[in-house]
Amino acid sequence: MIFGIIYSPVSFFIVFLTILIIGIWEFYQLFENPSHKSTKAFGIILGIIIYSMFFLDAMNGLQPKVFTLLIPLFFLMFFFNLYADTNRKKYAPFINILGALYVAIPMGLLSYLVFDNYAFKPYQVLGLIWLIWTNDSFAYFTGSLFGKKKLFERISPGKSWEGFFGGLAFTIAMGYGIGIYFEDTTKWVLFGFCISVFGTIGDLVESQMKRLVGAKDSGTILPGHGGVLDRFDALLFAIPFVFVVEVFF
């Protein structure tokens, strides 16, 4: 995966396109969406189009009017949802749309973080992934050693406030270290903050979704680690906030 991220823009695109397709499919399967197969397929196609347009814009720059093509696609989604068995799940149409957006928009925004003035800079994305690993690891370690006060017991009994603040402190420190390498410590400290805070929220959000449907994991594609959504929940939720930092700093 790391090789695919750094090798070339095409390999980067393929890596995250694969994650996107599996992630949207897992989202639909998680809610046992009873929609017609063509509805699910259109949701995945919509996600691919959103991601591809963002990627091409970040790489080469697209005319703003091109993005207006997305508007009729959203309305076509409602047409395809006519095939959904809404007697079994009346929220199926909205699950289809949400599934595509939940995964595709963060993946699309990630494209703007790997290109700097149309130049391919994959190591910034690796830095973000390293921050996520740092937060997960040190939140676990500090929570295991000192955790007493539950962060959100109803949704994730294993998380503690002590673990959260431990992960936050180490992630910000790691962000500062990475920022020295990139010669922009302020931005990377903010990246660390966003990754830790909003990545944790993303993990809680996905845990809540799994609890709603009584699932342990989002999928089984990664033996012993669950599904793609289980592995990338923090990234998906944190990227929009990281993108805002990138825009303003």
C-alpha atoms as a PDB file:
ATOM      1  CA  MET A   1       0.000   0.000   0.000  1.00  0.00           C
ATOM      2  CA  ILE A   2       2.790   2.443   0.920  1.00  0.00           C
ATOM      3  CA  PHE A   3       4.545   1.746  -2.368  1.00  0.00           C
ATOM      4  CA  GLY A   4       1.315   2.393  -4.257  1.00  0.00           C
ATOM      5  CA  ILE A   5       0.822   5.700  -2.470  1.00  0.00           C
ATOM      6  CA  ILE A   6       4.273   7.086  -3.236  1.00  0.00           C
ATOM      7  CA  TYR A   7       5.094   5.491  -6.614  1.00  0.00           C
ATOM      8  CA  SER A   8       3.065   7.713  -8.941  1.00  0.00           C
ATOM      9  CA  PRO A   9      -0.195   9.663  -9.191  1.00  0.00           C
ATOM     10  CA  VAL A  10      -1.770   6.743 -11.048  1.00  0.00           C
ATOM     11  CA  SER A  11      -0.831   4.207  -8.381  1.00  0.00           C
ATOM     12  CA  PHE A  12      -2.045   6.602  -5.668  1.00  0.00           C
ATOM     13  CA  PHE A  13      -5.352   6.949  -7.494  1.00  0.00           C
ATOM     14  CA  ILE A  14      -5.736   3.178  -7.793  1.00  0.00           C
ATOM     15  CA  VAL A  15      -4.941   2.517  -4.108  1.00  0.00           C
ATOM     16  CA  PHE A  16      -7.576   4.902  -2.819  1.00  0.00           C
ATOM     17  CA  LEU A  17     -10.049   4.020  -5.569  1.00  0.00           C
ATOM     18  CA  THR A  18      -9.880   0.428  -4.327  1.00  0.00           C
ATOM     19  CA  ILE A  19     -10.409   1.587  -0.734  1.00  0.00           C
ATOM     20  CA  LEU A  20     -13.348   3.720  -1.884  1.00  0.00           C
ATOM     21  CA  ILE A  21     -15.130   0.931  -3.750  1.00  0.00           C
ATOM     22  CA  ILE A  22     -14.741  -1.566  -0.907  1.00  0.00           C
ATOM     23  CA  GLY A  23     -15.648   1.067   1.685  1.00  0.00           C
ATOM     24  CA  ILE A  24     -18.917   2.050  -0.022  1.00  0.00           C
ATOM     25  CA  TRP A  25     -19.841  -1.601  -0.515  1.00  0.00           C
ATOM     26  CA  GLU A  26     -19.150  -2.321   3.167  1.00  0.00           C
ATOM     27  CA  PHE A  27     -21.310   0.641   4.160  1.00  0.00           C
ATOM     28  CA  TYR A  28     -24.231  -0.809   2.208  1.00  0.00           C
ATOM     29  CA  GLN A  29     -23.645  -4.289   3.577  1.00  0.00           C
ATOM     30  CA  LEU A  30     -23.344  -2.946   7.118  1.00  0.00           C
ATOM     31  CA  PHE A  31     -26.890  -1.626   6.973  1.00  0.00           C
ATOM     32  CA  GLU A  32     -28.045  -4.715   5.060  1.00  0.00           C
ATOM     33  CA  ASN A  33     -29.409  -2.380   2.439  1.00  0.00           C
ATOM     34  CA  PRO A  34     -32.211  -4.244   0.626  1.00  0.00           C
ATOM     35  CA  SER A  35     -31.974  -2.031  -2.465  1.00  0.00           C
ATOM     36  CA  HIS A  36     -31.876  -3.449  -5.952  1.00  0.00           C
ATOM     37  CA  LYS A  37     -28.372  -4.299  -7.141  1.00  0.00           C
ATOM     38  CA  SER A  38     -28.486  -1.529  -9.743  1.00  0.00           C
ATOM     39  CA  THR A  39     -29.088   0.984  -6.929  1.00  0.00           C
ATOM     40  CA  LYS A  40     -26.001  -0.124  -5.044  1.00  0.00           C
ATOM     41  CA  ALA A  41     -23.995  -0.147  -8.251  1.00  0.00           C
ATOM     42  CA  PHE A  42     -25.057   3.413  -9.029  1.00  0.00           C
ATOM     43  CA  GLY A  43     -24.034   4.481  -5.509  1.00  0.00           C
ATOM     44  CA  ILE A  44     -20.568   3.040  -6.068  1.00  0.00           C
ATOM     45  CA  ILE A  45     -20.369   4.634  -9.531  1.00  0.00           C
ATOM     46  CA  LEU A  46     -21.390   7.978  -8.031  1.00  0.00           C
ATOM     47  CA  GLY A  47     -18.612   7.630  -5.446  1.00  0.00           C
ATOM     48  CA  ILE A  48     -16.081   6.809  -8.165  1.00  0.00           C
ATOM     49  CA  ILE A  49     -17.127   9.850 -10.214  1.00  0.00           C
ATOM     50  CA  ILE A  50     -16.877  12.196  -7.218  1.00  0.00           C
ATOM     51  CA  TYR A  51     -13.441  10.861  -6.276  1.00  0.00           C
ATOM     52  CA  SER A  52     -12.188  10.950  -9.871  1.00  0.00           C
ATOM     53  CA  MET A  53     -13.324  14.531 -10.440  1.00  0.00           C
ATOM     54  CA  PHE A  54     -11.677  15.734  -7.243  1.00  0.00           C
ATOM     55  CA  PHE A  55      -8.486  13.867  -8.139  1.00  0.00           C
ATOM     56  CA  LEU A  56      -8.321  15.262 -11.668  1.00  0.00           C
ATOM     57  CA  ASP A  57      -8.995  18.764 -10.387  1.00  0.00           C
ATOM     58  CA  ALA A  58      -6.229  18.462  -7.798  1.00  0.00           C
ATOM     59  CA  MET A  59      -3.799  17.041 -10.377  1.00  0.00           C
ATOM     60  CA  ASN A  60      -4.508  19.223 -13.424  1.00  0.00           C
ATOM     61  CA  GLY A  61      -7.268  21.659 -12.551  1.00  0.00           C
ATOM     62  CA  LEU A  62     -10.772  21.306 -13.955  1.00  0.00           C
ATOM     63  CA  GLN A  63     -13.111  24.013 -15.085  1.00  0.00           C
ATOM     64  CA  PRO A  64     -15.562  24.767 -12.233  1.00  0.00           C
ATOM     65  CA  LYS A  65     -18.503  24.131 -14.546  1.00  0.00           C
ATOM     66  CA  VAL A  66     -17.459  20.466 -14.803  1.00  0.00           C
ATOM     67  CA  PHE A  67     -18.566  19.944 -11.206  1.00  0.00           C
ATOM     68  CA  THR A  68     -22.129  20.899 -12.168  1.00  0.00           C
ATOM     69  CA  LEU A  69     -22.336  17.416 -13.706  1.00  0.00           C
ATOM     70  CA  LEU A  70     -22.626  16.057 -10.171  1.00  0.00           C
ATOM     71  CA  ILE A  71     -25.981  17.774  -9.638  1.00  0.00           C
ATOM     72  CA  PRO A  72     -28.060  15.602 -12.019  1.00  0.00           C
ATOM     73  CA  LEU A  73     -26.242  12.503 -10.748  1.00  0.00           C
ATOM     74  CA  PHE A  74     -27.597  13.091  -7.252  1.00  0.00           C
ATOM     75  CA  PHE A  75     -31.113  13.340  -8.624  1.00  0.00           C
ATOM     76  CA  LEU A  76     -30.606  10.191 -10.688  1.00  0.00           C
ATOM     77  CA  MET A  77     -29.841   8.414  -7.418  1.00  0.00           C
ATOM     78  CA  PHE A  78     -33.439   9.043  -6.359  1.00  0.00           C
ATOM     79  CA  PHE A  79     -34.614   7.518  -9.625  1.00  0.00           C
ATOM     80  CA  PHE A  80     -32.615   4.348  -9.025  1.00  0.00           C
ATOM     81  CA  ASN A  81     -33.947   4.237  -5.487  1.00  0.00           C
ATOM     82  CA  LEU A  82     -37.387   3.579  -6.953  1.00  0.00           C
ATOM     83  CA  TYR A  83     -36.150  -0.024  -7.147  1.00  0.00           C
ATOM     84  CA  ALA A  84     -35.465  -0.168  -3.407  1.00  0.00           C
ATOM     85  CA  ASP A  85     -37.776  -2.272  -1.249  1.00  0.00           C
ATOM     86  CA  THR A  86     -38.761   0.642   0.970  1.00  0.00           C
ATOM     87  CA  ASN A  87     -41.335  -1.506   2.764  1.00  0.00           C
ATOM     88  CA  ARG A  88     -38.456  -3.349   4.391  1.00  0.00           C
ATOM     89  CA  LYS A  89     -36.295  -0.293   5.055  1.00  0.00           C
ATOM     90  CA  LYS A  90     -37.831   3.074   4.444  1.00  0.00           C
ATOM     91  CA  TYR A  91     -34.474   4.811   4.833  1.00  0.00           C
ATOM     92  CA  ALA A  92     -32.784   2.753   2.090  1.00  0.00           C
ATOM     93  CA  PRO A  93     -32.662   5.665  -0.421  1.00  0.00           C
ATOM     94  CA  PHE A  94     -30.837   7.857   2.052  1.00  0.00           C
ATOM     95  CA  ILE A  95     -28.454   5.052   3.004  1.00  0.00           C
ATOM     96  CA  ASN A  96     -27.481   4.770  -0.668  1.00  0.00           C
ATOM     97  CA  ILE A  97     -26.674   8.479  -0.940  1.00  0.00           C
ATOM     98  CA  LEU A  98     -24.977   8.703   2.441  1.00  0.00           C
ATOM     99  CA  GLY A  99     -22.806   5.675   1.694  1.00  0.00           C
ATOM    100  CA  ALA A 100     -21.436   7.277  -1.460  1.00  0.00           C
ATOM    101  CA  LEU A 101     -20.795  10.662   0.175  1.00  0.00           C
ATOM    102  CA  TYR A 102     -19.385   9.321   3.452  1.00  0.00           C
ATOM    103  CA  VAL A 103     -16.502   7.641   1.648  1.00  0.00           C
ATOM    104  CA  ALA A 104     -16.107   9.573  -1.620  1.00  0.00           C
ATOM    105  CA  ILE A 105     -15.858  13.124  -0.277  1.00  0.00           C
ATOM    106  CA  PRO A 106     -12.964  12.422   2.150  1.00  0.00           C
ATOM    107  CA  MET A 107     -11.181  10.373  -0.521  1.00  0.00           C
ATOM    108  CA  GLY A 108     -11.649  13.233  -2.976  1.00  0.00           C
ATOM    109  CA  LEU A 109     -10.368  15.839  -0.519  1.00  0.00           C
ATOM    110  CA  LEU A 110      -7.335  13.649   0.139  1.00  0.00           C
ATOM    111  CA  SER A 111      -6.350  14.268  -3.486  1.00  0.00           C
ATOM    112  CA  TYR A 112      -5.844  17.958  -2.707  1.00  0.00           C
ATOM    113  CA  LEU A 113      -3.458  16.979   0.068  1.00  0.00           C
ATOM    114  CA  VAL A 114      -1.247  14.870  -2.185  1.00  0.00           C
ATOM    115  CA  PHE A 115      -0.887  17.589  -4.842  1.00  0.00           C
ATOM    116  CA  ASP A 116       0.749  20.938  -4.143  1.00  0.00           C
ATOM    117  CA  ASN A 117       0.176  23.332  -7.048  1.00  0.00           C
ATOM    118  CA  TYR A 118      -0.355  20.258  -9.236  1.00  0.00           C
ATOM    119  CA  ALA A 119       2.967  18.715  -8.094  1.00  0.00           C
ATOM    120  CA  PHE A 120       2.725  15.167  -6.692  1.00  0.00           C
ATOM    121  CA  LYS A 121       3.745  15.191  -2.996  1.00  0.00           C
ATOM    122  CA  PRO A 122       2.781  11.789  -1.564  1.00  0.00           C
ATOM    123  CA  TYR A 123       4.857  12.044   1.598  1.00  0.00           C
ATOM    124  CA  GLN A 124       2.366  14.468   3.101  1.00  0.00           C
ATOM    125  CA  VAL A 125      -0.305  11.766   2.940  1.00  0.00           C
ATOM    126  CA  LEU A 126       2.118   9.279   4.492  1.00  0.00           C
ATOM    127  CA  GLY A 127       2.665  11.804   7.272  1.00  0.00           C
ATOM    128  CA  LEU A 128      -1.077  11.933   7.916  1.00  0.00           C
ATOM    129  CA  ILE A 129      -1.287   8.141   8.017  1.00  0.00           C
ATOM    130  CA  TRP A 130       1.645   8.119  10.453  1.00  0.00           C
ATOM    131  CA  LEU A 131      -0.233  10.576  12.681  1.00  0.00           C
ATOM    132  CA  ILE A 132      -3.270   8.293  12.700  1.00  0.00           C
ATOM    133  CA  TRP A 133      -1.081   5.346  13.699  1.00  0.00           C
ATOM    134  CA  THR A 134       0.523   7.479  16.412  1.00  0.00           C
ATOM    135  CA  ASN A 135      -2.832   8.491  17.842  1.00  0.00           C
ATOM    136  CA  ASP A 136      -4.233   4.948  17.792  1.00  0.00           C
ATOM    137  CA  SER A 137      -1.118   3.461  19.364  1.00  0.00           C
ATOM    138  CA  PHE A 138      -0.553   5.973  22.141  1.00  0.00           C
ATOM    139  CA  ALA A 139      -4.243   6.321  22.946  1.00  0.00           C
ATOM    140  CA  TYR A 140      -4.257   2.558  23.478  1.00  0.00           C
ATOM    141  CA  PHE A 141      -1.057   2.510  25.543  1.00  0.00           C
ATOM    142  CA  THR A 142      -1.945   5.416  27.814  1.00  0.00           C
ATOM    143  CA  GLY A 143      -5.519   4.200  28.139  1.00  0.00           C
ATOM    144  CA  SER A 144      -4.309   0.726  29.117  1.00  0.00           C
ATOM    145  CA  LEU A 145      -1.932   2.122  31.743  1.00  0.00           C
ATOM    146  CA  PHE A 146      -3.919   5.011  33.183  1.00  0.00           C
ATOM    147  CA  GLY A 147      -7.457   4.772  31.831  1.00  0.00           C
ATOM    148  CA  LYS A 148     -10.196   5.172  34.442  1.00  0.00           C
ATOM    149  CA  LYS A 149     -12.779   7.637  33.131  1.00  0.00           C
ATOM    150  CA  LYS A 150     -14.719   6.301  30.166  1.00  0.00           C
ATOM    151  CA  LEU A 151     -14.779   8.517  27.097  1.00  0.00           C
ATOM    152  CA  PHE A 152     -18.065   7.236  25.650  1.00  0.00           C
ATOM    153  CA  GLU A 153     -18.954   4.018  27.428  1.00  0.00           C
ATOM    154  CA  ARG A 154     -22.294   3.523  25.675  1.00  0.00           C
ATOM    155  CA  ILE A 155     -20.624   3.355  22.280  1.00  0.00           C
ATOM    156  CA  SER A 156     -17.013   2.306  22.919  1.00  0.00           C
ATOM    157  CA  PRO A 157     -16.438   0.919  26.445  1.00  0.00           C
ATOM    158  CA  GLY A 158     -12.705   0.479  25.868  1.00  0.00           C
ATOM    159  CA  LYS A 159     -11.929   4.150  25.270  1.00  0.00           C
ATOM    160  CA  SER A 160     -10.995   6.459  28.146  1.00  0.00           C
ATOM    161  CA  TRP A 161     -10.381  10.171  28.572  1.00  0.00           C
ATOM    162  CA  GLU A 162      -6.848   9.409  29.732  1.00  0.00           C
ATOM    163  CA  GLY A 163      -6.226   7.449  26.554  1.00  0.00           C
ATOM    164  CA  PHE A 164      -7.718  10.219  24.446  1.00  0.00           C
ATOM    165  CA  PHE A 165      -5.505  12.926  25.952  1.00  0.00           C
ATOM    166  CA  GLY A 166      -2.466  10.649  25.796  1.00  0.00           C
ATOM    167  CA  GLY A 167      -3.061  10.054  22.097  1.00  0.00           C
ATOM    168  CA  LEU A 168      -3.676  13.758  21.540  1.00  0.00           C
ATOM    169  CA  ALA A 169      -0.440  14.805  23.256  1.00  0.00           C
ATOM    170  CA  PHE A 170       1.750  12.321  21.399  1.00  0.00           C
ATOM    171  CA  THR A 171       0.065  13.003  18.047  1.00  0.00           C
ATOM    172  CA  ILE A 172       0.582  16.754  18.371  1.00  0.00           C
ATOM    173  CA  ALA A 173       4.214  16.105  19.350  1.00  0.00           C
ATOM    174  CA  MET A 174       4.647  13.830  16.339  1.00  0.00           C
ATOM    175  CA  GLY A 175       2.997  16.483  14.160  1.00  0.00           C
ATOM    176  CA  TYR A 176       5.549  18.997  15.373  1.00  0.00           C
ATOM    177  CA  GLY A 177       8.356  16.598  14.495  1.00  0.00           C
ATOM    178  CA  ILE A 178       6.967  15.955  11.017  1.00  0.00           C
ATOM    179  CA  GLY A 179       6.460  19.703  10.630  1.00  0.00           C
ATOM    180  CA  ILE A 180      10.174  20.260  11.190  1.00  0.00           C
ATOM    181  CA  TYR A 181      10.851  17.970   8.219  1.00  0.00           C
ATOM    182  CA  PHE A 182       8.299  19.792   6.043  1.00  0.00           C
ATOM    183  CA  GLU A 183       9.382  23.174   7.418  1.00  0.00           C
ATOM    184  CA  ASP A 184       5.863  24.044   8.548  1.00  0.00           C
ATOM    185  CA  THR A 185       5.409  23.170  12.219  1.00  0.00           C
ATOM    186  CA  THR A 186       2.237  25.210  12.744  1.00  0.00           C
ATOM    187  CA  LYS A 187       0.326  23.399  10.025  1.00  0.00           C
ATOM    188  CA  TRP A 188       1.454  19.967  11.133  1.00  0.00           C
ATOM    189  CA  VAL A 189       0.650  20.613  14.789  1.00  0.00           C
ATOM    190  CA  LEU A 190      -2.858  21.512  13.637  1.00  0.00           C
ATOM    191  CA  PHE A 191      -2.900  18.380  11.488  1.00  0.00           C
ATOM    192  CA  GLY A 192      -2.005  16.374  14.585  1.00  0.00           C
ATOM    193  CA  PHE A 193      -4.793  18.013  16.559  1.00  0.00           C
ATOM    194  CA  CYS A 194      -7.366  17.337  13.823  1.00  0.00           C
ATOM    195  CA  ILE A 195      -6.242  13.739  13.328  1.00  0.00           C
ATOM    196  CA  SER A 196      -6.437  12.989  17.041  1.00  0.00           C
ATOM    197  CA  VAL A 197      -9.717  14.754  17.860  1.00  0.00           C
ATOM    198  CA  PHE A 198     -11.731  14.128  14.727  1.00  0.00           C
ATOM    199  CA  GLY A 199     -10.165  10.744  14.033  1.00  0.00           C
ATOM    200  CA  THR A 200     -11.361   9.632  17.467  1.00  0.00           C
ATOM    201  CA  ILE A 201     -14.826  10.996  16.713  1.00  0.00           C
ATOM    202  CA  GLY A 202     -14.787   9.111  13.410  1.00  0.00           C
ATOM    203  CA  ASP A 203     -13.967   5.900  15.261  1.00  0.00           C
ATOM    204  CA  LEU A 204     -16.860   6.536  17.646  1.00  0.00           C
ATOM    205  CA  VAL A 205     -19.233   7.289  14.768  1.00  0.00           C
ATOM    206  CA  GLU A 206     -18.394   4.020  13.053  1.00  0.00           C
ATOM    207  CA  SER A 207     -18.690   2.141  16.350  1.00  0.00           C
ATOM    208  CA  GLN A 208     -22.149   3.612  16.776  1.00  0.00           C
ATOM    209  CA  MET A 209     -23.149   2.537  13.256  1.00  0.00           C
ATOM    210  CA  LYS A 210     -21.995  -1.014  13.974  1.00  0.00           C
ATOM    211  CA  ARG A 211     -23.875  -1.067  17.281  1.00  0.00           C
ATOM    212  CA  LEU A 212     -27.044   0.117  15.547  1.00  0.00           C
ATOM    213  CA  VAL A 213     -27.004  -2.930  13.290  1.00  0.00           C
ATOM    214  CA  GLY A 214     -25.421  -5.353  15.756  1.00  0.00           C
ATOM    215  CA  ALA A 215     -22.219  -5.870  13.773  1.00  0.00           C
ATOM    216  CA  LYS A 216     -18.760  -6.439  15.217  1.00  0.00           C
ATOM    217  CA  ASP A 217     -16.860  -5.345  12.110  1.00  0.00           C
ATOM    218  CA  SER A 218     -17.721  -3.481   8.924  1.00  0.00           C
ATOM    219  CA  GLY A 219     -16.364  -6.352   6.840  1.00  0.00           C
ATOM    220  CA  THR A 220     -14.047  -9.345   6.726  1.00  0.00           C
ATOM    221  CA  ILE A 221     -11.663  -8.380   3.932  1.00  0.00           C
ATOM    222  CA  LEU A 222      -8.788  -7.891   6.411  1.00  0.00           C
ATOM    223  CA  PRO A 223      -8.617 -11.067   8.534  1.00  0.00           C
ATOM    224  CA  GLY A 224      -8.242 -10.189  12.198  1.00  0.00           C
ATOM    225  CA  HIS A 225      -8.694  -6.476  11.500  1.00  0.00           C
ATOM    226  CA  GLY A 226     -12.260  -6.276  10.159  1.00  0.00           C
ATOM    227  CA  GLY A 227     -13.087  -4.317   7.052  1.00  0.00           C
ATOM    228  CA  VAL A 228     -11.839  -1.274   5.197  1.00  0.00           C
ATOM    229  CA  LEU A 229     -14.144   1.050   7.132  1.00  0.00           C
ATOM    230  CA  ASP A 230     -12.734  -0.320  10.394  1.00  0.00           C
ATOM    231  CA  ARG A 231      -9.207   0.556   9.282  1.00  0.00           C
ATOM    232  CA  PHE A 232      -9.936   3.919   7.682  1.00  0.00           C
ATOM    233  CA  ASP A 233     -12.736   5.334   9.844  1.00  0.00           C
ATOM    234  CA  ALA A 234     -10.414   7.867  11.507  1.00  0.00           C
ATOM    235  CA  LEU A 235      -8.969   8.981   8.162  1.00  0.00           C
ATOM    236  CA  LEU A 236     -12.398   9.403   6.555  1.00  0.00           C
ATOM    237  CA  PHE A 237     -13.691  11.597   9.358  1.00  0.00           C
ATOM    238  CA  ALA A 238     -10.525  13.633   9.932  1.00  0.00           C
ATOM    239  CA  ILE A 239      -9.629  14.452   6.314  1.00  0.00           C
ATOM    240  CA  PRO A 240     -12.296  17.181   5.816  1.00  0.00           C
ATOM    241  CA  PHE A 241     -10.922  19.026   8.859  1.00  0.00           C
ATOM    242  CA  VAL A 242      -7.321  18.497   7.766  1.00  0.00           C
ATOM    243  CA  PHE A 243      -8.295  19.871   4.356  1.00  0.00           C
ATOM    244  CA  VAL A 244      -9.619  23.054   5.979  1.00  0.00           C
ATOM    245  CA  VAL A 245      -6.275  23.490   7.770  1.00  0.00           C
ATOM    246  CA  GLU A 246      -4.474  22.969   4.457  1.00  0.00           C
ATOM    247  CA  VAL A 247      -6.594  25.646   2.789  1.00  0.00           C
ATOM    248  CA  PHE A 248      -6.082  28.277   5.475  1.00  0.00           C
ATOM    249  CA  PHE A 249      -2.479  27.505   6.458  1.00  0.00           C
END
